[in-house]
PDB file of all heavy atoms in Angstrom:
ATOM      1  N   GLU A   1       0.801  -1.228   0.000  1.00  0.00           N
ATOM      2  CA  GLU A   1       0.000   0.000   0.000  1.00  0.00           C
ATOM      3  C   GLU A   1       0.830   1.273   0.000  1.00  0.00           C
ATOM      4  O   GLU A   1       0.495   2.222  -0.696  1.00  0.00           O
ATOM      5  CB  GLU A   1      -0.954   0.013   1.193  1.00  0.00           C
ATOM      6  CG  GLU A   1      -2.117  -0.914   1.059  1.00  0.00           C
ATOM      7  CD  GLU A   1      -3.048  -0.567  -0.091  1.00  0.00           C
ATOM      8  OE1 GLU A   1      -3.341   0.631  -0.318  1.00  0.00           O
ATOM      9  OE2 GLU A   1      -3.496  -1.498  -0.776  1.00  0.00           O
ATOM     10  N   VAL A   2       1.885   1.325   0.821  1.00  0.00           N
ATOM     11  CA  VAL A   2       2.617   2.581   0.980  1.00  0.00           C
ATOM     12  C   VAL A   2       4.092   2.508   0.581  1.00  0.00           C
ATOM     13  O   VAL A   2       4.781   3.525   0.581  1.00  0.00           O
ATOM     14  CB  VAL A   2       2.477   3.140   2.417  1.00  0.00           C
ATOM     15  CG1 VAL A   2       1.034   3.498   2.708  1.00  0.00           C
ATOM     16  CG2 VAL A   2       3.025   2.181   3.463  1.00  0.00           C
ATOM     17  N   GLY A   3       4.588   1.310   0.281  1.00  0.00           N
ATOM     18  CA  GLY A   3       5.959   1.189  -0.197  1.00  0.00           C
ATOM     19  C   GLY A   3       7.020   1.028   0.877  1.00  0.00           C
ATOM     20  O   GLY A   3       8.208   0.994   0.572  1.00  0.00           O
ATOM     21  N   PHE A   4       6.611   0.931   2.138  1.00  0.00           N
ATOM     22  CA  PHE A   4       7.562   0.723   3.227  1.00  0.00           C
ATOM     23  C   PHE A   4       6.847   0.053   4.387  1.00  0.00           C
ATOM     24  O   PHE A   4       5.621  -0.011   4.420  1.00  0.00           O
ATOM     25  CB  PHE A   4       8.197   2.047   3.691  1.00  0.00           C
ATOM     26  CG  PHE A   4       7.220   3.019   4.302  1.00  0.00           C
ATOM     27  CD1 PHE A   4       6.966   3.023   5.664  1.00  0.00           C
ATOM     28  CD2 PHE A   4       6.558   3.947   3.507  1.00  0.00           C
ATOM     29  CE1 PHE A   4       6.058   3.909   6.224  1.00  0.00           C
ATOM     30  CE2 PHE A   4       5.649   4.841   4.060  1.00  0.00           C
ATOM     31  CZ  PHE A   4       5.398   4.826   5.423  1.00  0.00           C
ATOM     32  N   TYR A   5       7.660  -0.448   5.334  1.00  0.00           N
ATOM     33  CA  TYR A   5       7.117  -1.007   6.567  1.00  0.00           C
ATOM     34  C   TYR A   5       7.797  -0.288   7.719  1.00  0.00           C
ATOM     35  O   TYR A   5       9.032  -0.159   7.726  1.00  0.00           O
ATOM     36  CB  TYR A   5       7.361  -2.519   6.648  1.00  0.00           C
ATOM     37  CG  TYR A   5       6.576  -3.178   7.747  1.00  0.00           C
ATOM     38  CD1 TYR A   5       5.192  -3.199   7.719  1.00  0.00           C
ATOM     39  CD2 TYR A   5       7.208  -3.744   8.847  1.00  0.00           C
ATOM     40  CE1 TYR A   5       4.454  -3.786   8.734  1.00  0.00           C
ATOM     41  CE2 TYR A   5       6.482  -4.334   9.867  1.00  0.00           C
ATOM     42  CZ  TYR A   5       5.101  -4.344   9.797  1.00  0.00           C
ATOM     43  OH  TYR A   5       4.366  -4.910  10.814  1.00  0.00           O
ATOM     44  N   PRO A   6       7.050   0.215   8.675  1.00  0.00           N
ATOM     45  CA  PRO A   6       7.618   1.092   9.705  1.00  0.00           C
ATOM     46  C   PRO A   6       8.764   0.522  10.529  1.00  0.00           C
ATOM     47  O   PRO A   6       9.547   1.281  11.088  1.00  0.00           O
ATOM     48  CB  PRO A   6       6.423   1.398  10.613  1.00  0.00           C
ATOM     49  CG  PRO A   6       5.237   1.244   9.732  1.00  0.00           C
ATOM     50  CD  PRO A   6       5.589   0.119   8.792  1.00  0.00           C
ATOM     51  N   THR A   7       8.902  -0.789  10.615  1.00  0.00           N
ATOM     52  CA  THR A   7       9.982  -1.347  11.424  1.00  0.00           C
ATOM     53  C   THR A   7      11.310  -1.403  10.679  1.00  0.00           C
ATOM     54  O   THR A   7      12.320  -1.792  11.260  1.00  0.00           O
ATOM     55  CB  THR A   7       9.639  -2.761  11.943  1.00  0.00           C
ATOM     56  OG1 THR A   7       9.479  -3.636  10.833  1.00  0.00           O
ATOM     57  CG2 THR A   7       8.391  -2.745  12.810  1.00  0.00           C
ATOM     58  N   THR A   8      11.312  -1.000   9.420  1.00  0.00           N
ATOM     59  CA  THR A   8      12.545  -0.971   8.628  1.00  0.00           C
ATOM     60  C   THR A   8      12.758   0.448   8.125  1.00  0.00           C
ATOM     61  O   THR A   8      11.892   1.012   7.458  1.00  0.00           O
ATOM     62  CB  THR A   8      12.461  -1.936   7.430  1.00  0.00           C
ATOM     63  OG1 THR A   8      12.178  -3.250   7.914  1.00  0.00           O
ATOM     64  CG2 THR A   8      13.751  -1.948   6.645  1.00  0.00           C
ATOM     65  N   SER A   9      13.896   1.031   8.445  1.00  0.00           N
ATOM     66  CA  SER A   9      14.177   2.407   8.053  1.00  0.00           C
ATOM     67  C   SER A   9      14.189   2.546   6.535  1.00  0.00           C
ATOM     68  O   SER A   9      14.850   1.779   5.835  1.00  0.00           O
ATOM     69  CB  SER A   9      15.535   2.847   8.608  1.00  0.00           C
ATOM     70  OG  SER A   9      15.878   4.122   8.088  1.00  0.00           O
ATOM     71  N   ILE A  10      13.457   3.532   6.043  1.00  0.00           N
ATOM     72  CA  ILE A  10      13.454   3.798   4.602  1.00  0.00           C
ATOM     73  C   ILE A  10      14.736   4.505   4.172  1.00  0.00           C
ATOM     74  O   ILE A  10      15.019   4.602   2.992  1.00  0.00           O
ATOM     75  CB  ILE A  10      12.212   4.617   4.162  1.00  0.00           C
ATOM     76  CG1 ILE A  10      12.134   5.950   4.904  1.00  0.00           C
ATOM     77  CG2 ILE A  10      10.945   3.813   4.372  1.00  0.00           C
ATOM     78  CD1 ILE A  10      10.994   6.854   4.463  1.00  0.00           C
ATOM     79  N   ILE A  11      15.523   4.933   5.135  1.00  0.00           N
ATOM     80  CA  ILE A  11      16.767   5.637   4.835  1.00  0.00           C
ATOM     81  C   ILE A  11      17.918   4.657   4.614  1.00  0.00           C
ATOM     82  O   ILE A  11      18.641   4.755   3.630  1.00  0.00           O
ATOM     83  CB  ILE A  11      17.113   6.634   5.963  1.00  0.00           C
ATOM     84  CG1 ILE A  11      15.998   7.687   6.052  1.00  0.00           C
ATOM     85  CG2 ILE A  11      18.476   7.284   5.741  1.00  0.00           C
ATOM     86  CD1 ILE A  11      16.010   8.518   7.297  1.00  0.00           C
ATOM     87  N   ASP A  12      18.071   3.683   5.521  1.00  0.00           N
ATOM     88  CA  ASP A  12      19.227   2.792   5.425  1.00  0.00           C
ATOM     89  C   ASP A  12      18.900   1.301   5.541  1.00  0.00           C
ATOM     90  O   ASP A  12      19.787   0.467   5.526  1.00  0.00           O
ATOM     91  CB  ASP A  12      20.280   3.166   6.460  1.00  0.00           C
ATOM     92  CG  ASP A  12      19.740   3.167   7.882  1.00  0.00           C
ATOM     93  OD1 ASP A  12      18.656   2.578   8.132  1.00  0.00           O
ATOM     94  OD2 ASP A  12      20.391   3.768   8.761  1.00  0.00           O
ATOM     95  N   GLY A  13      17.606   0.953   5.668  1.00  0.00           N
ATOM     96  CA  GLY A  13      17.201  -0.442   5.708  1.00  0.00           C
ATOM     97  C   GLY A  13      17.420  -1.149   7.029  1.00  0.00           C
ATOM     98  O   GLY A  13      17.188  -2.354   7.137  1.00  0.00           O
ATOM     99  N   VAL A  14      17.844  -0.439   8.058  1.00  0.00           N
ATOM    100  CA  VAL A  14      18.080  -1.043   9.369  1.00  0.00           C
ATOM    101  C   VAL A  14      16.734  -1.313  10.039  1.00  0.00           C
ATOM    102  O   VAL A  14      15.831  -0.484  10.006  1.00  0.00           O
ATOM    103  CB  VAL A  14      18.963  -0.122  10.251  1.00  0.00           C
ATOM    104  CG1 VAL A  14      19.088  -0.677  11.659  1.00  0.00           C
ATOM    105  CG2 VAL A  14      20.326   0.076   9.619  1.00  0.00           C
ATOM    106  N   ARG A  15      16.600  -2.490  10.643  1.00  0.00           N
ATOM    107  CA  ARG A  15      15.366  -2.891  11.324  1.00  0.00           C
ATOM    108  C   ARG A  15      15.349  -2.355  12.756  1.00  0.00           C
ATOM    109  O   ARG A  15      16.388  -2.258  13.393  1.00  0.00           O
ATOM    110  CB  ARG A  15      15.223  -4.408  11.361  1.00  0.00           C
ATOM    111  CG  ARG A  15      15.155  -5.085  10.018  1.00  0.00           C
ATOM    112  CD  ARG A  15      13.865  -5.433   9.456  1.00  0.00           C
ATOM    113  NE  ARG A  15      12.854  -6.053  10.272  1.00  0.00           N
ATOM    114  CZ  ARG A  15      11.639  -6.263   9.816  1.00  0.00           C
ATOM    115  NH1 ARG A  15      11.322  -5.922   8.585  1.00  0.00           N
ATOM    116  NH2 ARG A  15      10.730  -6.825  10.573  1.00  0.00           N
ATOM    117  N   SER A  16      14.140  -2.053  13.228  1.00  0.00           N
ATOM    118  CA  SER A  16      14.003  -1.624  14.620  1.00  0.00           C
ATOM    119  C   SER A  16      14.465  -2.752  15.530  1.00  0.00           C
ATOM    120  O   SER A  16      14.423  -3.919  15.176  1.00  0.00           O
ATOM    121  CB  SER A  16      12.566  -1.238  14.931  1.00  0.00           C
ATOM    122  OG  SER A  16      11.718  -2.355  14.847  1.00  0.00           O
ATOM    123  N   GLY A  17      14.920  -2.382  16.702  1.00  0.00           N
ATOM    124  CA  GLY A  17      15.501  -3.348  17.629  1.00  0.00           C
ATOM    125  C   GLY A  17      17.009  -3.356  17.550  1.00  0.00           C
ATOM    126  O   GLY A  17      17.679  -3.761  18.491  1.00  0.00           O
ATOM    127  N   SER A  18      17.559  -2.890  16.425  1.00  0.00           N
ATOM    128  CA  SER A  18      19.004  -2.789  16.259  1.00  0.00           C
ATOM    129  C   SER A  18      19.481  -1.478  16.879  1.00  0.00           C
ATOM    130  O   SER A  18      18.787  -0.459  16.817  1.00  0.00           O
ATOM    131  CB  SER A  18      19.356  -2.800  14.767  1.00  0.00           C
ATOM    132  OG  SER A  18      20.688  -2.369  14.564  1.00  0.00           O
ATOM    133  N   ALA A  19      20.664  -1.486  17.445  1.00  0.00           N
ATOM    134  CA  ALA A  19      21.240  -0.262  18.000  1.00  0.00           C
ATOM    135  C   ALA A  19      21.449   0.795  16.918  1.00  0.00           C
ATOM    136  O   ALA A  19      21.492   1.985  17.203  1.00  0.00           O
ATOM    137  CB  ALA A  19      22.562  -0.573  18.696  1.00  0.00           C
ATOM    138  N   ALA A  20      21.553   0.364  15.664  1.00  0.00           N
ATOM    139  CA  ALA A  20      21.772   1.293  14.555  1.00  0.00           C
ATOM    140  C   ALA A  20      20.477   1.873  13.986  1.00  0.00           C
ATOM    141  O   ALA A  20      20.519   2.716  13.101  1.00  0.00           O
ATOM    142  CB  ALA A  20      22.547   0.574  13.441  1.00  0.00           C
ATOM    143  N   PHE A  21      19.323   1.437  14.511  1.00  0.00           N
ATOM    144  CA  PHE A  21      18.039   1.935  13.999  1.00  0.00           C
ATOM    145  C   PHE A  21      17.793   3.365  14.466  1.00  0.00           C
ATOM    146  O   PHE A  21      17.973   3.690  15.637  1.00  0.00           O
ATOM    147  CB  PHE A  21      16.884   1.050  14.477  1.00  0.00           C
ATOM    148  CG  PHE A  21      15.541   1.504  13.996  1.00  0.00           C
ATOM    149  CD1 PHE A  21      15.114   1.216  12.706  1.00  0.00           C
ATOM    150  CD2 PHE A  21      14.686   2.238  14.819  1.00  0.00           C
ATOM    151  CE1 PHE A  21      13.872   1.631  12.251  1.00  0.00           C
ATOM    152  CE2 PHE A  21      13.443   2.654  14.377  1.00  0.00           C
ATOM    153  CZ  PHE A  21      13.035   2.348  13.089  1.00  0.00           C
ATOM    154  N   HIS A  22      17.383   4.206  13.515  1.00  0.00           N
ATOM    155  CA  HIS A  22      17.006   5.589  13.814  1.00  0.00           C
ATOM    156  C   HIS A  22      15.616   5.835  13.252  1.00  0.00           C
ATOM    157  O   HIS A  22      15.367   5.532  12.075  1.00  0.00           O
ATOM    158  CB  HIS A  22      17.999   6.579  13.203  1.00  0.00           C
ATOM    159  CG  HIS A  22      19.384   6.439  13.750  1.00  0.00           C
ATOM    160  ND1 HIS A  22      19.729   6.851  15.011  1.00  0.00           N
ATOM    161  CD2 HIS A  22      20.509   5.921  13.206  1.00  0.00           C
ATOM    162  CE1 HIS A  22      21.004   6.594  15.225  1.00  0.00           C
ATOM    163  NE2 HIS A  22      21.497   6.022  14.150  1.00  0.00           N
ATOM    164  N   PRO A  23      14.708   6.376  14.053  1.00  0.00           N
ATOM    165  CA  PRO A  23      13.363   6.675  13.559  1.00  0.00           C
ATOM    166  C   PRO A  23      13.419   7.570  12.318  1.00  0.00           C
ATOM    167  O   PRO A  23      14.212   8.508  12.266  1.00  0.00           O
ATOM    168  CB  PRO A  23      12.714   7.400  14.738  1.00  0.00           C
ATOM    169  CG  PRO A  23      13.451   6.899  15.942  1.00  0.00           C
ATOM    170  CD  PRO A  23      14.869   6.718  15.465  1.00  0.00           C
ATOM    171  N   PHE A  24      12.593   7.267  11.347  1.00  0.00           N
ATOM    172  CA  PHE A  24      12.593   8.014  10.087  1.00  0.00           C
ATOM    173  C   PHE A  24      11.311   8.807   9.871  1.00  0.00           C
ATOM    174  O   PHE A  24      11.204   9.579   8.933  1.00  0.00           O
ATOM    175  CB  PHE A  24      12.824   7.062   8.903  1.00  0.00           C
ATOM    176  CG  PHE A  24      11.744   6.018   8.770  1.00  0.00           C
ATOM    177  CD1 PHE A  24      10.606   6.264   8.015  1.00  0.00           C
ATOM    178  CD2 PHE A  24      11.870   4.788   9.407  1.00  0.00           C
ATOM    179  CE1 PHE A  24       9.610   5.303   7.905  1.00  0.00           C
ATOM    180  CE2 PHE A  24      10.883   3.829   9.301  1.00  0.00           C
ATOM    181  CZ  PHE A  24       9.750   4.086   8.546  1.00  0.00           C
ATOM    182  N   TRP A  25      10.337   8.614  10.722  1.00  0.00           N
ATOM    183  CA  TRP A  25       9.058   9.284  10.558  1.00  0.00           C
ATOM    184  C   TRP A  25       9.137  10.680  11.165  1.00  0.00           C
ATOM    185  O   TRP A  25      10.049  11.029  11.901  1.00  0.00           O
ATOM    186  CB  TRP A  25       7.948   8.465  11.211  1.00  0.00           C
ATOM    187  CG  TRP A  25       8.274   8.101  12.627  1.00  0.00           C
ATOM    188  CD1 TRP A  25       8.090   8.857  13.740  1.00  0.00           C
ATOM    189  CD2 TRP A  25       8.902   6.898  13.064  1.00  0.00           C
ATOM    190  NE1 TRP A  25       8.554   8.209  14.852  1.00  0.00           N
ATOM    191  CE2 TRP A  25       9.061   6.996  14.470  1.00  0.00           C
ATOM    192  CE3 TRP A  25       9.343   5.746  12.419  1.00  0.00           C
ATOM    193  CZ2 TRP A  25       9.644   5.988  15.224  1.00  0.00           C
ATOM    194  CZ3 TRP A  25       9.914   4.748  13.178  1.00  0.00           C
ATOM    195  CH2 TRP A  25      10.063   4.865  14.559  1.00  0.00           C
ATOM    196  N   ASP A  26       8.117  11.482  10.847  1.00  0.00           N
ATOM    197  CA  ASP A  26       8.073  12.855  11.334  1.00  0.00           C
ATOM    198  C   ASP A  26       7.301  12.990  12.637  1.00  0.00           C
ATOM    199  O   ASP A  26       7.520  13.939  13.398  1.00  0.00           O
ATOM    200  CB  ASP A  26       7.440  13.760  10.266  1.00  0.00           C
ATOM    201  CG  ASP A  26       8.244  13.724   8.990  1.00  0.00           C
ATOM    202  OD1 ASP A  26       9.334  14.296   8.983  1.00  0.00           O
ATOM    203  OD2 ASP A  26       7.800  13.078   8.009  1.00  0.00           O
ATOM    204  N   TRP A  27       6.403  12.049  12.889  1.00  0.00           N
ATOM    205  CA  TRP A  27       5.538  12.149  14.066  1.00  0.00           C
ATOM    206  C   TRP A  27       5.056  10.756  14.411  1.00  0.00           C
ATOM    207  O   TRP A  27       4.667   9.991  13.526  1.00  0.00           O
ATOM    208  CB  TRP A  27       4.365  13.052  13.719  1.00  0.00           C
ATOM    209  CG  TRP A  27       3.327  13.216  14.781  1.00  0.00           C
ATOM    210  CD1 TRP A  27       2.101  12.602  14.833  1.00  0.00           C
ATOM    211  CD2 TRP A  27       3.382  14.045  15.935  1.00  0.00           C
ATOM    212  NE1 TRP A  27       1.413  13.000  15.952  1.00  0.00           N
ATOM    213  CE2 TRP A  27       2.184  13.897  16.645  1.00  0.00           C
ATOM    214  CE3 TRP A  27       4.355  14.902  16.441  1.00  0.00           C
ATOM    215  CZ2 TRP A  27       1.921  14.558  17.826  1.00  0.00           C
ATOM    216  CZ3 TRP A  27       4.092  15.567  17.617  1.00  0.00           C
ATOM    217  CH2 TRP A  27       2.882  15.400  18.290  1.00  0.00           C
TER     218      TRP A  27
END
């Protein structure tokens, strides 16, 4: 539907739960 899944960064592909994950959303 939207081309991404919130648990995977659209910037660098890092999955949430990883120390390297950074939120990519605005709100």
